[in-house]
Amino acid sequence: MDLSPYPPTHHLMRVRVRTRIFDQLRDIAQKESTLTGDHTSISDLVRAALSDWIRVYESTELLYQLQLSEDEKKIPVG
Protein backbone atom coordinates (compact mmCIF):
# COMPACT_ATOMS: atom_id res chain seq x y z
CA MET A 1 0.00 0.00 0.00
CA ASP A 2 1.45 3.35 -1.08
CA LEU A 3 1.14 5.89 1.73
CA SER A 4 2.96 8.63 -0.14
CA PRO A 5 1.02 11.92 -0.42
CA TYR A 6 2.43 12.38 -3.94
CA PRO A 7 1.16 10.64 -7.07
CA PRO A 8 3.65 8.32 -8.80
CA THR A 9 5.90 9.96 -11.39
CA HIS A 10 6.71 6.73 -13.22
CA HIS A 11 4.97 3.52 -14.20
CA LEU A 12 6.68 0.27 -14.95
CA MET A 13 5.69 -1.06 -18.35
CA ARG A 14 6.48 -4.52 -19.65
CA VAL A 15 6.35 -5.26 -23.35
CA ARG A 16 7.35 -8.14 -25.55
CA VAL A 17 9.73 -7.42 -28.38
CA ARG A 18 11.22 -9.81 -30.86
CA THR A 19 14.67 -11.08 -30.04
CA ARG A 20 16.06 -9.44 -33.18
CA ILE A 21 14.71 -6.03 -32.11
CA PHE A 22 16.04 -6.45 -28.58
CA ASP A 23 19.47 -7.40 -29.94
CA GLN A 24 19.49 -4.33 -32.18
CA LEU A 25 18.52 -2.08 -29.27
CA ARG A 26 21.28 -3.60 -27.12
CA ASP A 27 23.84 -2.97 -29.90
CA ILE A 28 22.67 0.62 -30.33
CA ALA A 29 22.78 1.24 -26.58
CA GLN A 30 26.33 -0.11 -26.39
CA LYS A 31 27.43 2.07 -29.33
CA GLU A 32 25.81 5.15 -27.80
CA SER A 33 27.48 4.43 -24.47
CA THR A 34 30.86 4.18 -26.21
CA LEU A 35 30.30 7.35 -28.26
CA THR A 36 29.01 9.54 -25.43
CA GLY A 37 30.90 8.10 -22.49
CA ASP A 38 27.60 7.96 -20.58
CA HIS A 39 25.78 4.70 -19.96
CA THR A 40 22.85 4.32 -22.36
CA SER A 41 20.38 1.56 -21.62
CA ILE A 42 17.76 -0.09 -23.77
CA SER A 43 15.18 1.56 -21.51
CA ASP A 44 16.68 4.97 -22.35
CA LEU A 45 16.22 4.24 -26.06
CA VAL A 46 12.65 3.04 -25.56
CA ARG A 47 11.72 6.11 -23.48
CA ALA A 48 13.20 8.41 -26.13
CA ALA A 49 11.34 6.58 -28.91
CA LEU A 50 8.04 6.82 -27.03
CA SER A 51 8.53 10.54 -26.39
CA ASP A 52 9.34 11.11 -30.07
CA TRP A 53 6.26 9.13 -31.14
CA ILE A 54 4.02 11.18 -28.86
CA ARG A 55 5.52 14.44 -30.17
CA VAL A 56 4.89 13.38 -33.80
CA TYR A 57 1.35 12.27 -32.93
CA GLU A 58 0.54 15.58 -31.24
CA SER A 59 2.03 17.59 -34.11
CA THR A 60 0.07 15.58 -36.66
CA GLU A 61 -3.11 16.06 -34.65
CA LEU A 62 -2.50 19.81 -34.47
CA LEU A 63 -1.93 20.00 -38.23
CA TYR A 64 -5.11 18.02 -38.83
CA GLN A 65 -7.09 20.42 -36.63
CA LEU A 66 -5.61 23.39 -38.48
CA GLN A 67 -6.67 21.89 -41.81
CA LEU A 68 -10.23 21.57 -40.53
CA SER A 69 -10.24 25.15 -39.26
CA GLU A 70 -12.27 27.75 -41.13
CA ASP A 71 -10.21 30.57 -39.63
CA GLU A 72 -7.83 31.82 -42.35
CA LYS A 73 -5.35 33.01 -39.72
CA LYS A 74 -4.82 29.40 -38.62
CA ILE A 75 -4.40 27.93 -42.10
CA PRO A 76 -0.68 27.34 -42.80
CA VAL A 77 0.83 29.03 -45.83
CA GLY A 78 2.90 27.01 -48.27
PDB file of N, CA and C in Angstrom:
ATOM      1  N   MET A   1       0.847  -1.177   0.000  1.00  0.00           N
ATOM      2  CA  MET A   1       0.000   0.000   0.000  1.00  0.00           C
ATOM      3  C   MET A   1       0.894   1.242   0.000  1.00  0.00           C
ATOM      4  N   ASP A   2       0.653   2.133  -0.962  1.00  0.00           N
ATOM      5  CA  ASP A   2       1.451   3.348  -1.079  1.00  0.00           C
ATOM      6  C   ASP A   2       0.852   4.424  -0.183  1.00  0.00           C
ATOM      7  N   LEU A   3       1.616   4.864   0.799  1.00  0.00           N
ATOM      8  CA  LEU A   3       1.142   5.887   1.732  1.00  0.00           C
ATOM      9  C   LEU A   3       1.689   7.266   1.386  1.00  0.00           C
ATOM     10  N   SER A   4       2.377   7.365   0.269  1.00  0.00           N
ATOM     11  CA  SER A   4       2.961   8.629  -0.144  1.00  0.00           C
ATOM     12  C   SER A   4       1.860   9.635  -0.497  1.00  0.00           C
ATOM     13  N   PRO A   5       2.027  10.910  -0.080  1.00  0.00           N
ATOM     14  CA  PRO A   5       1.020  11.924  -0.422  1.00  0.00           C
ATOM     15  C   PRO A   5       1.140  12.396  -1.874  1.00  0.00           C
ATOM     16  N   TYR A   6       2.191  11.946  -2.573  1.00  0.00           N
ATOM     17  CA  TYR A   6       2.431  12.385  -3.942  1.00  0.00           C
ATOM     18  C   TYR A   6       2.066  11.285  -4.932  1.00  0.00           C
ATOM     19  N   PRO A   7       1.474  11.662  -6.058  1.00  0.00           N
ATOM     20  CA  PRO A   7       1.162  10.641  -7.070  1.00  0.00           C
ATOM     21  C   PRO A   7       2.465  10.097  -7.685  1.00  0.00           C
ATOM     22  N   PRO A   8       2.435   8.887  -8.204  1.00  0.00           N
ATOM     23  CA  PRO A   8       3.652   8.324  -8.798  1.00  0.00           C
ATOM     24  C   PRO A   8       4.077   9.131 -10.024  1.00  0.00           C
ATOM     25  N   THR A   9       5.369   9.231 -10.226  1.00  0.00           N
ATOM     26  CA  THR A   9       5.898   9.959 -11.388  1.00  0.00           C
ATOM     27  C   THR A   9       6.299   9.010 -12.510  1.00  0.00           C
ATOM     28  N   HIS A  10       6.334   7.726 -12.215  1.00  0.00           N
ATOM     29  CA  HIS A  10       6.706   6.730 -13.221  1.00  0.00           C
ATOM     30  C   HIS A  10       5.806   5.507 -13.096  1.00  0.00           C
ATOM     31  N   HIS A  11       5.649   4.811 -14.184  1.00  0.00           N
ATOM     32  CA  HIS A  11       4.969   3.524 -14.201  1.00  0.00           C
ATOM     33  C   HIS A  11       5.893   2.521 -14.860  1.00  0.00           C
ATOM     34  N   LEU A  12       5.905   1.335 -14.345  1.00  0.00           N
ATOM     35  CA  LEU A  12       6.684   0.267 -14.948  1.00  0.00           C
ATOM     36  C   LEU A  12       5.841  -0.377 -16.039  1.00  0.00           C
ATOM     37  N   MET A  13       6.413  -0.492 -17.228  1.00  0.00           N
ATOM     38  CA  MET A  13       5.688  -1.057 -18.349  1.00  0.00           C
ATOM     39  C   MET A  13       6.487  -2.234 -18.898  1.00  0.00           C
ATOM     40  N   ARG A  14       5.828  -3.347 -19.070  1.00  0.00           N
ATOM     41  CA  ARG A  14       6.481  -4.517 -19.651  1.00  0.00           C
ATOM     42  C   ARG A  14       5.908  -4.743 -21.033  1.00  0.00           C
ATOM     43  N   VAL A  15       6.792  -4.973 -21.976  1.00  0.00           N
ATOM     44  CA  VAL A  15       6.354  -5.263 -23.349  1.00  0.00           C
ATOM     45  C   VAL A  15       7.173  -6.430 -23.897  1.00  0.00           C
ATOM     46  N   ARG A  16       6.604  -7.101 -24.844  1.00  0.00           N
ATOM     47  CA  ARG A  16       7.351  -8.137 -25.548  1.00  0.00           C
ATOM     48  C   ARG A  16       7.889  -7.546 -26.833  1.00  0.00           C
ATOM     49  N   VAL A  17       9.140  -7.817 -27.097  1.00  0.00           N
ATOM     50  CA  VAL A  17       9.728  -7.425 -28.379  1.00  0.00           C
ATOM     51  C   VAL A  17      10.448  -8.644 -28.940  1.00  0.00           C
ATOM     52  N   ARG A  18      10.526  -8.694 -30.221  1.00  0.00           N
ATOM     53  CA  ARG A  18      11.218  -9.806 -30.855  1.00  0.00           C
ATOM     54  C   ARG A  18      12.687  -9.775 -30.471  1.00  0.00           C
ATOM     55  N   THR A  19      13.269 -10.945 -30.411  1.00  0.00           N
ATOM     56  CA  THR A  19      14.673 -11.084 -30.037  1.00  0.00           C
ATOM     57  C   THR A  19      15.568 -10.239 -30.944  1.00  0.00           C
ATOM     58  N   ARG A  20      15.262 -10.223 -32.223  1.00  0.00           N
ATOM     59  CA  ARG A  20      16.061  -9.437 -33.180  1.00  0.00           C
ATOM     60  C   ARG A  20      16.025  -7.951 -32.832  1.00  0.00           C
ATOM     61  N   ILE A  21      14.854  -7.451 -32.479  1.00  0.00           N
ATOM     62  CA  ILE A  21      14.714  -6.034 -32.113  1.00  0.00           C
ATOM     63  C   ILE A  21      15.483  -5.749 -30.825  1.00  0.00           C
ATOM     64  N   PHE A  22      15.335  -6.628 -29.848  1.00  0.00           N
ATOM     65  CA  PHE A  22      16.036  -6.450 -28.582  1.00  0.00           C
ATOM     66  C   PHE A  22      17.550  -6.437 -28.804  1.00  0.00           C
ATOM     67  N   ASP A  23      18.034  -7.348 -29.637  1.00  0.00           N
ATOM     68  CA  ASP A  23      19.468  -7.403 -29.936  1.00  0.00           C
ATOM     69  C   ASP A  23      19.940  -6.117 -30.606  1.00  0.00           C
ATOM     70  N   GLN A  24      19.132  -5.590 -31.516  1.00  0.00           N
ATOM     71  CA  GLN A  24      19.492  -4.326 -32.176  1.00  0.00           C
ATOM     72  C   GLN A  24      19.525  -3.182 -31.170  1.00  0.00           C
ATOM     73  N   LEU A  25      18.544  -3.132 -30.288  1.00  0.00           N
ATOM     74  CA  LEU A  25      18.517  -2.083 -29.266  1.00  0.00           C
ATOM     75  C   LEU A  25      19.734  -2.184 -28.346  1.00  0.00           C
ATOM     76  N   ARG A  26      20.102  -3.405 -27.972  1.00  0.00           N
ATOM     77  CA  ARG A  26      21.283  -3.596 -27.123  1.00  0.00           C
ATOM     78  C   ARG A  26      22.544  -3.109 -27.835  1.00  0.00           C
ATOM     79  N   ASP A  27      22.679  -3.426 -29.129  1.00  0.00           N
ATOM     80  CA  ASP A  27      23.842  -2.970 -29.899  1.00  0.00           C
ATOM     81  C   ASP A  27      23.889  -1.449 -29.984  1.00  0.00           C
ATOM     82  N   ILE A  28      22.731  -0.846 -30.238  1.00  0.00           N
ATOM     83  CA  ILE A  28      22.667   0.616 -30.329  1.00  0.00           C
ATOM     84  C   ILE A  28      23.018   1.250 -28.993  1.00  0.00           C
ATOM     85  N   ALA A  29      22.488   0.706 -27.911  1.00  0.00           N
ATOM     86  CA  ALA A  29      22.776   1.245 -26.576  1.00  0.00           C
ATOM     87  C   ALA A  29      24.264   1.154 -26.268  1.00  0.00           C
ATOM     88  N   GLN A  30      24.889   0.045 -26.630  1.00  0.00           N
ATOM     89  CA  GLN A  30      26.332  -0.107 -26.394  1.00  0.00           C
ATOM     90  C   GLN A  30      27.128   0.901 -27.216  1.00  0.00           C
ATOM     91  N   LYS A  31      26.733   1.090 -28.471  1.00  0.00           N
ATOM     92  CA  LYS A  31      27.430   2.066 -29.329  1.00  0.00           C
ATOM     93  C   LYS A  31      27.268   3.480 -28.787  1.00  0.00           C
ATOM     94  N   GLU A  32      26.051   3.823 -28.367  1.00  0.00           N
ATOM     95  CA  GLU A  32      25.810   5.154 -27.800  1.00  0.00           C
ATOM     96  C   GLU A  32      26.611   5.358 -26.519  1.00  0.00           C
ATOM     97  N   SER A  33      26.689   4.339 -25.705  1.00  0.00           N
ATOM     98  CA  SER A  33      27.476   4.430 -24.474  1.00  0.00           C
ATOM     99  C   SER A  33      28.937   4.692 -24.799  1.00  0.00           C
ATOM    100  N   THR A  34      29.460   4.001 -25.799  1.00  0.00           N
ATOM    101  CA  THR A  34      30.857   4.184 -26.207  1.00  0.00           C
ATOM    102  C   THR A  34      31.078   5.581 -26.778  1.00  0.00           C
ATOM    103  N   LEU A  35      30.155   6.032 -27.614  1.00  0.00           N
ATOM    104  CA  LEU A  35      30.303   7.349 -28.260  1.00  0.00           C
ATOM    105  C   LEU A  35      30.202   8.499 -27.267  1.00  0.00           C
ATOM    106  N   THR A  36      29.265   8.403 -26.329  1.00  0.00           N
ATOM    107  CA  THR A  36      29.013   9.535 -25.434  1.00  0.00           C
ATOM    108  C   THR A  36      29.805   9.468 -24.134  1.00  0.00           C
ATOM    109  N   GLY A  37      30.232   8.259 -23.762  1.00  0.00           N
ATOM    110  CA  GLY A  37      30.903   8.100 -22.485  1.00  0.00           C
ATOM    111  C   GLY A  37      29.943   7.980 -21.322  1.00  0.00           C
ATOM    112  N   ASP A  38      28.650   8.139 -21.592  1.00  0.00           N
ATOM    113  CA  ASP A  38      27.602   7.959 -20.578  1.00  0.00           C
ATOM    114  C   ASP A  38      26.910   6.631 -20.848  1.00  0.00           C
ATOM    115  N   HIS A  39      26.478   5.975 -19.783  1.00  0.00           N
ATOM    116  CA  HIS A  39      25.778   4.703 -19.962  1.00  0.00           C
ATOM    117  C   HIS A  39      24.418   4.941 -20.604  1.00  0.00           C
ATOM    118  N   THR A  40      24.157   4.286 -21.711  1.00  0.00           N
ATOM    119  CA  THR A  40      22.855   4.322 -22.365  1.00  0.00           C
ATOM    120  C   THR A  40      22.260   2.931 -22.276  1.00  0.00           C
ATOM    121  N   SER A  41      21.036   2.854 -21.765  1.00  0.00           N
ATOM    122  CA  SER A  41      20.378   1.557 -21.623  1.00  0.00           C
ATOM    123  C   SER A  41      19.320   1.385 -22.708  1.00  0.00           C
ATOM    124  N   ILE A  42      18.855   0.168 -22.852  1.00  0.00           N
ATOM    125  CA  ILE A  42      17.755  -0.089 -23.771  1.00  0.00           C
ATOM    126  C   ILE A  42      16.532   0.709 -23.327  1.00  0.00           C
ATOM    127  N   SER A  43      16.318   0.782 -22.025  1.00  0.00           N
ATOM    128  CA  SER A  43      15.180   1.560 -21.514  1.00  0.00           C
ATOM    129  C   SER A  43      15.284   3.027 -21.921  1.00  0.00           C
ATOM    130  N   ASP A  44      16.494   3.577 -21.918  1.00  0.00           N
ATOM    131  CA  ASP A  44      16.682   4.968 -22.354  1.00  0.00           C
ATOM    132  C   ASP A  44      16.226   5.131 -23.806  1.00  0.00           C
ATOM    133  N   LEU A  45      16.598   4.180 -24.647  1.00  0.00           N
ATOM    134  CA  LEU A  45      16.221   4.237 -26.060  1.00  0.00           C
ATOM    135  C   LEU A  45      14.709   4.121 -26.231  1.00  0.00           C
ATOM    136  N   VAL A  46      14.096   3.238 -25.469  1.00  0.00           N
ATOM    137  CA  VAL A  46      12.649   3.040 -25.565  1.00  0.00           C
ATOM    138  C   VAL A  46      11.913   4.291 -25.083  1.00  0.00           C
ATOM    139  N   ARG A  47      12.353   4.882 -23.969  1.00  0.00           N
ATOM    140  CA  ARG A  47      11.716   6.112 -23.477  1.00  0.00           C
ATOM    141  C   ARG A  47      11.832   7.224 -24.512  1.00  0.00           C
ATOM    142  N   ALA A  48      13.004   7.372 -25.123  1.00  0.00           N
ATOM    143  CA  ALA A  48      13.198   8.415 -26.135  1.00  0.00           C
ATOM    144  C   ALA A  48      12.290   8.170 -27.340  1.00  0.00           C
ATOM    145  N   ALA A  49      12.186   6.910 -27.764  1.00  0.00           N
ATOM    146  CA  ALA A  49      11.340   6.584 -28.909  1.00  0.00           C
ATOM    147  C   ALA A  49       9.872   6.875 -28.610  1.00  0.00           C
ATOM    148  N   LEU A  50       9.426   6.547 -27.403  1.00  0.00           N
ATOM    149  CA  LEU A  50       8.039   6.822 -27.029  1.00  0.00           C
ATOM    150  C   LEU A  50       7.770   8.328 -26.984  1.00  0.00           C
ATOM    151  N   SER A  51       8.696   9.081 -26.438  1.00  0.00           N
ATOM    152  CA  SER A  51       8.532  10.542 -26.389  1.00  0.00           C
ATOM    153  C   SER A  51       8.474  11.123 -27.803  1.00  0.00           C
ATOM    154  N   ASP A  52       9.342  10.636 -28.681  1.00  0.00           N
ATOM    155  CA  ASP A  52       9.339  11.106 -30.071  1.00  0.00           C
ATOM    156  C   ASP A  52       8.016  10.764 -30.756  1.00  0.00           C
ATOM    157  N   TRP A  53       7.512   9.555 -30.521  1.00  0.00           N
ATOM    158  CA  TRP A  53       6.264   9.126 -31.142  1.00  0.00           C
ATOM    159  C   TRP A  53       5.110  10.016 -30.680  1.00  0.00           C
ATOM    160  N   ILE A  54       5.072  10.309 -29.394  1.00  0.00           N
ATOM    161  CA  ILE A  54       4.017  11.179 -28.862  1.00  0.00           C
ATOM    162  C   ILE A  54       4.114  12.572 -29.468  1.00  0.00           C
ATOM    163  N   ARG A  55       5.328  13.109 -29.582  1.00  0.00           N
ATOM    164  CA  ARG A  55       5.517  14.439 -30.169  1.00  0.00           C
ATOM    165  C   ARG A  55       5.037  14.470 -31.626  1.00  0.00           C
ATOM    166  N   VAL A  56       5.353  13.451 -32.404  1.00  0.00           N
ATOM    167  CA  VAL A  56       4.893  13.382 -33.796  1.00  0.00           C
ATOM    168  C   VAL A  56       3.373  13.272 -33.842  1.00  0.00           C
ATOM    169  N   TYR A  57       2.808  12.432 -32.979  1.00  0.00           N
ATOM    170  CA  TYR A  57       1.351  12.265 -32.930  1.00  0.00           C
ATOM    171  C   TYR A  57       0.666  13.600 -32.628  1.00  0.00           C
ATOM    172  N   GLU A  58       1.161  14.306 -31.617  1.00  0.00           N
ATOM    173  CA  GLU A  58       0.543  15.585 -31.235  1.00  0.00           C
ATOM    174  C   GLU A  58       0.682  16.618 -32.344  1.00  0.00           C
ATOM    175  N   SER A  59       1.835  16.646 -33.005  1.00  0.00           N
ATOM    176  CA  SER A  59       2.033  17.592 -34.115  1.00  0.00           C
ATOM    177  C   SER A  59       1.104  17.275 -35.273  1.00  0.00           C
ATOM    178  N   THR A  60       0.956  15.995 -35.583  1.00  0.00           N
ATOM    179  CA  THR A  60       0.069  15.581 -36.663  1.00  0.00           C
ATOM    180  C   THR A  60      -1.372  15.935 -36.328  1.00  0.00           C
ATOM    181  N   GLU A  61      -1.759  15.719 -35.087  1.00  0.00           N
ATOM    182  CA  GLU A  61      -3.115  16.059 -34.650  1.00  0.00           C
ATOM    183  C   GLU A  61      -3.361  17.560 -34.763  1.00  0.00           C
ATOM    184  N   LEU A  62      -2.371  18.353 -34.369  1.00  0.00           N
ATOM    185  CA  LEU A  62      -2.495  19.806 -34.472  1.00  0.00           C
ATOM    186  C   LEU A  62      -2.649  20.240 -35.932  1.00  0.00           C
ATOM    187  N   LEU A  63      -1.828  19.666 -36.806  1.00  0.00           N
ATOM    188  CA  LEU A  63      -1.930  20.005 -38.228  1.00  0.00           C
ATOM    189  C   LEU A  63      -3.285  19.614 -38.796  1.00  0.00           C
ATOM    190  N   TYR A  64      -3.797  18.465 -38.381  1.00  0.00           N
ATOM    191  CA  TYR A  64      -5.108  18.020 -38.828  1.00  0.00           C
ATOM    192  C   TYR A  64      -6.188  19.010 -38.381  1.00  0.00           C
ATOM    193  N   GLN A  65      -6.110  19.453 -37.136  1.00  0.00           N
ATOM    194  CA  GLN A  65      -7.089  20.417 -36.631  1.00  0.00           C
ATOM    195  C   GLN A  65      -6.992  21.742 -37.377  1.00  0.00           C
ATOM    196  N   LEU A  66      -5.772  22.147 -37.724  1.00  0.00           N
ATOM    197  CA  LEU A  66      -5.607  23.390 -38.483  1.00  0.00           C
ATOM    198  C   LEU A  66      -6.205  23.268 -39.879  1.00  0.00           C
ATOM    199  N   GLN A  67      -6.091  22.104 -40.490  1.00  0.00           N
ATOM    200  CA  GLN A  67      -6.672  21.893 -41.814  1.00  0.00           C
ATOM    201  C   GLN A  67      -8.193  21.974 -41.764  1.00  0.00           C
ATOM    202  N   LEU A  68      -8.775  21.532 -40.663  1.00  0.00           N
ATOM    203  CA  LEU A  68     -10.228  21.568 -40.530  1.00  0.00           C
ATOM    204  C   LEU A  68     -10.746  22.952 -40.176  1.00  0.00           C
ATOM    205  N   SER A  69      -9.845  23.831 -39.730  1.00  0.00           N
ATOM    206  CA  SER A  69     -10.235  25.150 -39.259  1.00  0.00           C
ATOM    207  C   SER A  69     -10.709  26.020 -40.413  1.00  0.00           C
ATOM    208  N   GLU A  70     -11.746  26.795 -40.153  1.00  0.00           N
ATOM    209  CA  GLU A  70     -12.267  27.747 -41.134  1.00  0.00           C
ATOM    210  C   GLU A  70     -11.595  29.114 -40.985  1.00  0.00           C
ATOM    211  N   ASP A  71     -10.870  29.301 -39.906  1.00  0.00           N
ATOM    212  CA  ASP A  71     -10.210  30.568 -39.625  1.00  0.00           C
ATOM    213  C   ASP A  71      -8.970  30.699 -40.507  1.00  0.00           C
ATOM    214  N   GLU A  72      -8.957  31.674 -41.403  1.00  0.00           N
ATOM    215  CA  GLU A  72      -7.834  31.822 -42.346  1.00  0.00           C
ATOM    216  C   GLU A  72      -6.518  32.097 -41.629  1.00  0.00           C
ATOM    217  N   LYS A  73      -6.564  32.708 -40.447  1.00  0.00           N
ATOM    218  CA  LYS A  73      -5.346  33.010 -39.724  1.00  0.00           C
ATOM    219  C   LYS A  73      -4.645  31.737 -39.268  1.00  0.00           C
ATOM    220  N   LYS A  74      -5.381  30.644 -39.108  1.00  0.00           N
ATOM    221  CA  LYS A  74      -4.822  29.402 -38.618  1.00  0.00           C
ATOM    222  C   LYS A  74      -4.365  28.477 -39.749  1.00  0.00           C
ATOM    223  N   ILE A  75      -4.750  28.806 -40.987  1.00  0.00           N
ATOM    224  CA  ILE A  75      -4.397  27.929 -42.103  1.00  0.00           C
ATOM    225  C   ILE A  75      -2.941  28.195 -42.494  1.00  0.00           C
ATOM    226  N   PRO A  76      -2.084  27.156 -42.465  1.00  0.00           N
ATOM    227  CA  PRO A  76      -0.678  27.344 -42.802  1.00  0.00           C
ATOM    228  C   PRO A  76      -0.497  27.763 -44.257  1.00  0.00           C
ATOM    229  N   VAL A  77       0.511  28.581 -44.487  1.00  0.00           N
ATOM    230  CA  VAL A  77       0.828  29.034 -45.833  1.00  0.00           C
ATOM    231  C   VAL A  77       1.933  28.138 -46.390  1.00  0.00           C
ATOM    232  N   GLY A  78       1.814  27.768 -47.653  1.00  0.00           N
ATOM    233  CA  GLY A  78       2.903  27.006 -48.271  1.00  0.00           C
ATOM    234  C   GLY A  78       2.572  25.701 -48.780  1.00  0.00           C
TER     235      GLY A  78
END
